[in-house]
Amino acid sequence: MIEMAQFHNIKFLKEVEGLSQRQIAAKLGISRNTVSKYMKQNTAPTTVLRKKVYGT
């Protein structure tokens, strides 16, 4: 999973600078498939921290 800052960077490069998915992938050093995946999402990825609960 990519970081939230990188997600916003992908959106910025596409919407503001008008770069293609291939150009974004090359610029950020990530897979073109990853760029495509996050371009389709409207919200940034979040990490849910879970606590282990032992017993009740």
PDB file of N, CA and C in Angstrom:
ATOM      1  N   MET A   1       0.849  -1.180   0.000  1.00  0.00           N
ATOM      2  CA  MET A   1       0.000   0.000   0.000  1.00  0.00           C
ATOM      3  C   MET A   1       0.894   1.244   0.000  1.00  0.00           C
ATOM      4  N   ILE A   2       0.471   2.253  -0.723  1.00  0.00           N
ATOM      5  CA  ILE A   2       1.245   3.489  -0.788  1.00  0.00           C
ATOM      6  C   ILE A   2       0.811   4.438   0.322  1.00  0.00           C
ATOM      7  N   GLU A   3       1.622   5.432   0.579  1.00  0.00           N
ATOM      8  CA  GLU A   3       1.308   6.417   1.607  1.00  0.00           C
ATOM      9  C   GLU A   3       0.287   7.424   1.099  1.00  0.00           C
ATOM     10  N   MET A   4      -0.370   8.092   2.022  1.00  0.00           N
ATOM     11  CA  MET A   4      -1.390   9.072   1.672  1.00  0.00           C
ATOM     12  C   MET A   4      -0.797  10.223   0.868  1.00  0.00           C
ATOM     13  N   ALA A   5       0.409  10.643   1.205  1.00  0.00           N
ATOM     14  CA  ALA A   5       1.054  11.749   0.477  1.00  0.00           C
ATOM     15  C   ALA A   5       1.300  11.370  -0.977  1.00  0.00           C
ATOM     16  N   GLN A   6       1.685  10.126  -1.204  1.00  0.00           N
ATOM     17  CA  GLN A   6       1.937   9.682  -2.567  1.00  0.00           C
ATOM     18  C   GLN A   6       0.627   9.582  -3.348  1.00  0.00           C
ATOM     19  N   PHE A   7      -0.456   9.201  -2.680  1.00  0.00           N
ATOM     20  CA  PHE A   7      -1.773   9.168  -3.315  1.00  0.00           C
ATOM     21  C   PHE A   7      -2.149  10.564  -3.805  1.00  0.00           C
ATOM     22  N   HIS A   8      -1.965  11.562  -2.957  1.00  0.00           N
ATOM     23  CA  HIS A   8      -2.291  12.937  -3.341  1.00  0.00           C
ATOM     24  C   HIS A   8      -1.350  13.441  -4.439  1.00  0.00           C
ATOM     25  N   ASN A   9      -0.120  12.980  -4.413  1.00  0.00           N
ATOM     26  CA  ASN A   9       0.831  13.346  -5.452  1.00  0.00           C
ATOM     27  C   ASN A   9       0.389  12.787  -6.809  1.00  0.00           C
ATOM     28  N   ILE A  10      -0.106  11.555  -6.822  1.00  0.00           N
ATOM     29  CA  ILE A  10      -0.616  10.950  -8.058  1.00  0.00           C
ATOM     30  C   ILE A  10      -1.777  11.767  -8.598  1.00  0.00           C
ATOM     31  N   LYS A  11      -2.722  12.118  -7.725  1.00  0.00           N
ATOM     32  CA  LYS A  11      -3.883  12.902  -8.140  1.00  0.00           C
ATOM     33  C   LYS A  11      -3.450  14.274  -8.677  1.00  0.00           C
ATOM     34  N   PHE A  12      -2.482  14.907  -8.011  1.00  0.00           N
ATOM     35  CA  PHE A  12      -2.001  16.213  -8.432  1.00  0.00           C
ATOM     36  C   PHE A  12      -1.360  16.148  -9.814  1.00  0.00           C
ATOM     37  N   LEU A  13      -0.481  15.154 -10.007  1.00  0.00           N
ATOM     38  CA  LEU A  13       0.213  15.025 -11.288  1.00  0.00           C
ATOM     39  C   LEU A  13      -0.768  14.787 -12.431  1.00  0.00           C
ATOM     40  N   LYS A  14      -1.839  14.058 -12.171  1.00  0.00           N
ATOM     41  CA  LYS A  14      -2.816  13.776 -13.217  1.00  0.00           C
ATOM     42  C   LYS A  14      -3.702  14.986 -13.497  1.00  0.00           C
ATOM     43  N   GLU A  15      -4.281  15.563 -12.452  1.00  0.00           N
ATOM     44  CA  GLU A  15      -5.280  16.619 -12.629  1.00  0.00           C
ATOM     45  C   GLU A  15      -4.673  17.982 -12.944  1.00  0.00           C
ATOM     46  N   VAL A  16      -3.570  18.327 -12.310  1.00  0.00           N
ATOM     47  CA  VAL A  16      -2.993  19.660 -12.478  1.00  0.00           C
ATOM     48  C   VAL A  16      -1.964  19.687 -13.611  1.00  0.00           C
ATOM     49  N   GLU A  17      -1.036  18.737 -13.581  1.00  0.00           N
ATOM     50  CA  GLU A  17       0.016  18.743 -14.587  1.00  0.00           C
ATOM     51  C   GLU A  17      -0.368  17.985 -15.855  1.00  0.00           C
ATOM     52  N   GLY A  18      -1.418  17.181 -15.782  1.00  0.00           N
ATOM     53  CA  GLY A  18      -1.912  16.486 -16.968  1.00  0.00           C
ATOM     54  C   GLY A  18      -1.018  15.369 -17.472  1.00  0.00           C
ATOM     55  N   LEU A  19      -0.257  14.732 -16.586  1.00  0.00           N
ATOM     56  CA  LEU A  19       0.622  13.644 -16.998  1.00  0.00           C
ATOM     57  C   LEU A  19      -0.174  12.357 -17.210  1.00  0.00           C
ATOM     58  N   SER A  20       0.356  11.485 -18.046  1.00  0.00           N
ATOM     59  CA  SER A  20      -0.281  10.186 -18.267  1.00  0.00           C
ATOM     60  C   SER A  20       0.088   9.251 -17.119  1.00  0.00           C
ATOM     61  N   GLN A  21      -0.610   8.129 -17.047  1.00  0.00           N
ATOM     62  CA  GLN A  21      -0.318   7.145 -16.005  1.00  0.00           C
ATOM     63  C   GLN A  21       1.104   6.627 -16.124  1.00  0.00           C
ATOM     64  N   ARG A  22       1.560   6.427 -17.334  1.00  0.00           N
ATOM     65  CA  ARG A  22       2.920   5.927 -17.555  1.00  0.00           C
ATOM     66  C   ARG A  22       3.956   6.945 -17.098  1.00  0.00           C
ATOM     67  N   GLN A  23       3.719   8.229 -17.374  1.00  0.00           N
ATOM     68  CA  GLN A  23       4.644   9.280 -16.954  1.00  0.00           C
ATOM     69  C   GLN A  23       4.662   9.421 -15.432  1.00  0.00           C
ATOM     70  N   ILE A  24       3.487   9.314 -14.814  1.00  0.00           N
ATOM     71  CA  ILE A  24       3.401   9.397 -13.350  1.00  0.00           C
ATOM     72  C   ILE A  24       4.168   8.239 -12.723  1.00  0.00           C
ATOM     73  N   ALA A  25       3.977   7.027 -13.252  1.00  0.00           N
ATOM     74  CA  ALA A  25       4.657   5.842 -12.725  1.00  0.00           C
ATOM     75  C   ALA A  25       6.171   5.996 -12.826  1.00  0.00           C
ATOM     76  N   ALA A  26       6.651   6.498 -13.954  1.00  0.00           N
ATOM     77  CA  ALA A  26       8.090   6.680 -14.131  1.00  0.00           C
ATOM     78  C   ALA A  26       8.631   7.752 -13.191  1.00  0.00           C
ATOM     79  N   LYS A  27       7.877   8.829 -13.016  1.00  0.00           N
ATOM     80  CA  LYS A  27       8.326   9.938 -12.167  1.00  0.00           C
ATOM     81  C   LYS A  27       8.393   9.531 -10.694  1.00  0.00           C
ATOM     82  N   LEU A  28       7.413   8.729 -10.242  1.00  0.00           N
ATOM     83  CA  LEU A  28       7.346   8.341  -8.834  1.00  0.00           C
ATOM     84  C   LEU A  28       8.063   7.023  -8.544  1.00  0.00           C
ATOM     85  N   GLY A  29       8.429   6.299  -9.594  1.00  0.00           N
ATOM     86  CA  GLY A  29       9.138   5.036  -9.399  1.00  0.00           C
ATOM     87  C   GLY A  29       8.243   3.920  -8.895  1.00  0.00           C
ATOM     88  N   ILE A  30       6.982   3.911  -9.327  1.00  0.00           N
ATOM     89  CA  ILE A  30       6.041   2.863  -8.935  1.00  0.00           C
ATOM     90  C   ILE A  30       5.451   2.240 -10.192  1.00  0.00           C
ATOM     91  N   SER A  31       4.729   1.166 -10.012  1.00  0.00           N
ATOM     92  CA  SER A  31       4.132   0.447 -11.137  1.00  0.00           C
ATOM     93  C   SER A  31       2.992   1.246 -11.764  1.00  0.00           C
ATOM     94  N   ARG A  32       2.849   1.109 -13.077  1.00  0.00           N
ATOM     95  CA  ARG A  32       1.747   1.759 -13.785  1.00  0.00           C
ATOM     96  C   ARG A  32       0.407   1.206 -13.317  1.00  0.00           C
ATOM     97  N   ASN A  33       0.397  -0.088 -12.959  1.00  0.00           N
ATOM     98  CA  ASN A  33      -0.827  -0.700 -12.442  1.00  0.00           C
ATOM     99  C   ASN A  33      -1.223  -0.096 -11.099  1.00  0.00           C
ATOM    100  N   THR A  34      -0.240   0.241 -10.281  1.00  0.00           N
ATOM    101  CA  THR A  34      -0.511   0.887  -8.998  1.00  0.00           C
ATOM    102  C   THR A  34      -1.102   2.276  -9.222  1.00  0.00           C
ATOM    103  N   VAL A  35      -0.548   3.000 -10.171  1.00  0.00           N
ATOM    104  CA  VAL A  35      -1.072   4.331 -10.502  1.00  0.00           C
ATOM    105  C   VAL A  35      -2.522   4.205 -10.958  1.00  0.00           C
ATOM    106  N   SER A  36      -2.795   3.252 -11.818  1.00  0.00           N
ATOM    107  CA  SER A  36      -4.143   3.035 -12.330  1.00  0.00           C
ATOM    108  C   SER A  36      -5.112   2.715 -11.197  1.00  0.00           C
ATOM    109  N   LYS A  37      -4.687   1.866 -10.284  1.00  0.00           N
ATOM    110  CA  LYS A  37      -5.516   1.463  -9.143  1.00  0.00           C
ATOM    111  C   LYS A  37      -5.911   2.659  -8.291  1.00  0.00           C
ATOM    112  N   TYR A  38      -4.968   3.514  -7.991  1.00  0.00           N
ATOM    113  CA  TYR A  38      -5.254   4.655  -7.120  1.00  0.00           C
ATOM    114  C   TYR A  38      -5.921   5.814  -7.853  1.00  0.00           C
ATOM    115  N   MET A  39      -5.815   5.834  -9.174  1.00  0.00           N
ATOM    116  CA  MET A  39      -6.522   6.852  -9.950  1.00  0.00           C
ATOM    117  C   MET A  39      -8.035   6.612  -9.899  1.00  0.00           C
ATOM    118  N   LYS A  40      -8.425   5.355  -9.781  1.00  0.00           N
ATOM    119  CA  LYS A  40      -9.840   4.990  -9.760  1.00  0.00           C
ATOM    120  C   LYS A  40     -10.497   5.306  -8.419  1.00  0.00           C
ATOM    121  N   GLN A  41      -9.704   5.423  -7.363  1.00  0.00           N
ATOM    122  CA  GLN A  41     -10.250   5.683  -6.030  1.00  0.00           C
ATOM    123  C   GLN A  41     -10.481   7.169  -5.817  1.00  0.00           C
ATOM    124  N   ASN A  42     -11.534   7.482  -5.060  1.00  0.00           N
ATOM    125  CA  ASN A  42     -11.847   8.875  -4.759  1.00  0.00           C
ATOM    126  C   ASN A  42     -11.294   9.315  -3.408  1.00  0.00           C
ATOM    127  N   THR A  43     -11.028   8.362  -2.526  1.00  0.00           N
ATOM    128  CA  THR A  43     -10.521   8.710  -1.202  1.00  0.00           C
ATOM    129  C   THR A  43      -9.138   8.125  -1.005  1.00  0.00           C
ATOM    130  N   ALA A  44      -8.365   8.789  -0.191  1.00  0.00           N
ATOM    131  CA  ALA A  44      -7.002   8.350   0.087  1.00  0.00           C
ATOM    132  C   ALA A  44      -7.014   7.084   0.936  1.00  0.00           C
ATOM    133  N   PRO A  45      -6.016   6.227   0.762  1.00  0.00           N
ATOM    134  CA  PRO A  45      -5.941   5.013   1.578  1.00  0.00           C
ATOM    135  C   PRO A  45      -5.614   5.353   3.021  1.00  0.00           C
ATOM    136  N   THR A  46      -6.220   4.635   3.916  1.00  0.00           N
ATOM    137  CA  THR A  46      -5.944   4.845   5.338  1.00  0.00           C
ATOM    138  C   THR A  46      -5.495   3.530   5.945  1.00  0.00           C
ATOM    139  N   THR A  47      -4.699   3.627   6.964  1.00  0.00           N
ATOM    140  CA  THR A  47      -4.234   2.448   7.667  1.00  0.00           C
ATOM    141  C   THR A  47      -4.985   2.350   8.982  1.00  0.00           C
ATOM    142  N   VAL A  48      -5.586   1.224   9.202  1.00  0.00           N
ATOM    143  CA  VAL A  48      -6.328   0.998  10.431  1.00  0.00           C
ATOM    144  C   VAL A  48      -5.419   0.246  11.390  1.00  0.00           C
ATOM    145  N   LEU A  49      -5.169   0.856  12.521  1.00  0.00           N
ATOM    146  CA  LEU A  49      -4.352   0.199  13.533  1.00  0.00           C
ATOM    147  C   LEU A  49      -5.269  -0.604  14.442  1.00  0.00           C
ATOM    148  N   ARG A  50      -4.949  -1.847  14.591  1.00  0.00           N
ATOM    149  CA  ARG A  50      -5.784  -2.716  15.404  1.00  0.00           C
ATOM    150  C   ARG A  50      -5.047  -3.080  16.694  1.00  0.00           C
ATOM    151  N   LYS A  51      -5.815  -3.169  17.759  1.00  0.00           N
ATOM    152  CA  LYS A  51      -5.262  -3.576  19.032  1.00  0.00           C
ATOM    153  C   LYS A  51      -5.682  -5.015  19.285  1.00  0.00           C
ATOM    154  N   LYS A  52      -4.753  -5.804  19.788  1.00  0.00           N
ATOM    155  CA  LYS A  52      -5.095  -7.170  20.161  1.00  0.00           C
ATOM    156  C   LYS A  52      -5.784  -7.118  21.518  1.00  0.00           C
ATOM    157  N   VAL A  53      -6.886  -7.800  21.608  1.00  0.00           N
ATOM    158  CA  VAL A  53      -7.611  -7.861  22.871  1.00  0.00           C
ATOM    159  C   VAL A  53      -7.516  -9.290  23.377  1.00  0.00           C
ATOM    160  N   TYR A  54      -6.917  -9.435  24.527  1.00  0.00           N
ATOM    161  CA  TYR A  54      -6.749 -10.751  25.121  1.00  0.00           C
ATOM    162  C   TYR A  54      -7.779 -10.912  26.230  1.00  0.00           C
ATOM    163  N   GLY A  55      -8.607 -11.925  26.113  1.00  0.00           N
ATOM    164  CA  GLY A  55      -9.624 -12.174  27.121  1.00  0.00           C
ATOM    165  C   GLY A  55     -10.790 -11.197  26.993  1.00  0.00           C
ATOM    166  N   THR A  56     -11.755 -11.376  27.820  1.00  0.00           N
ATOM    167  CA  THR A  56     -12.916 -10.476  27.790  1.00  0.00           C
ATOM    168  C   THR A  56     -13.238  -9.911  29.142  1.00  0.00           C
TER     169      THR A  56
END
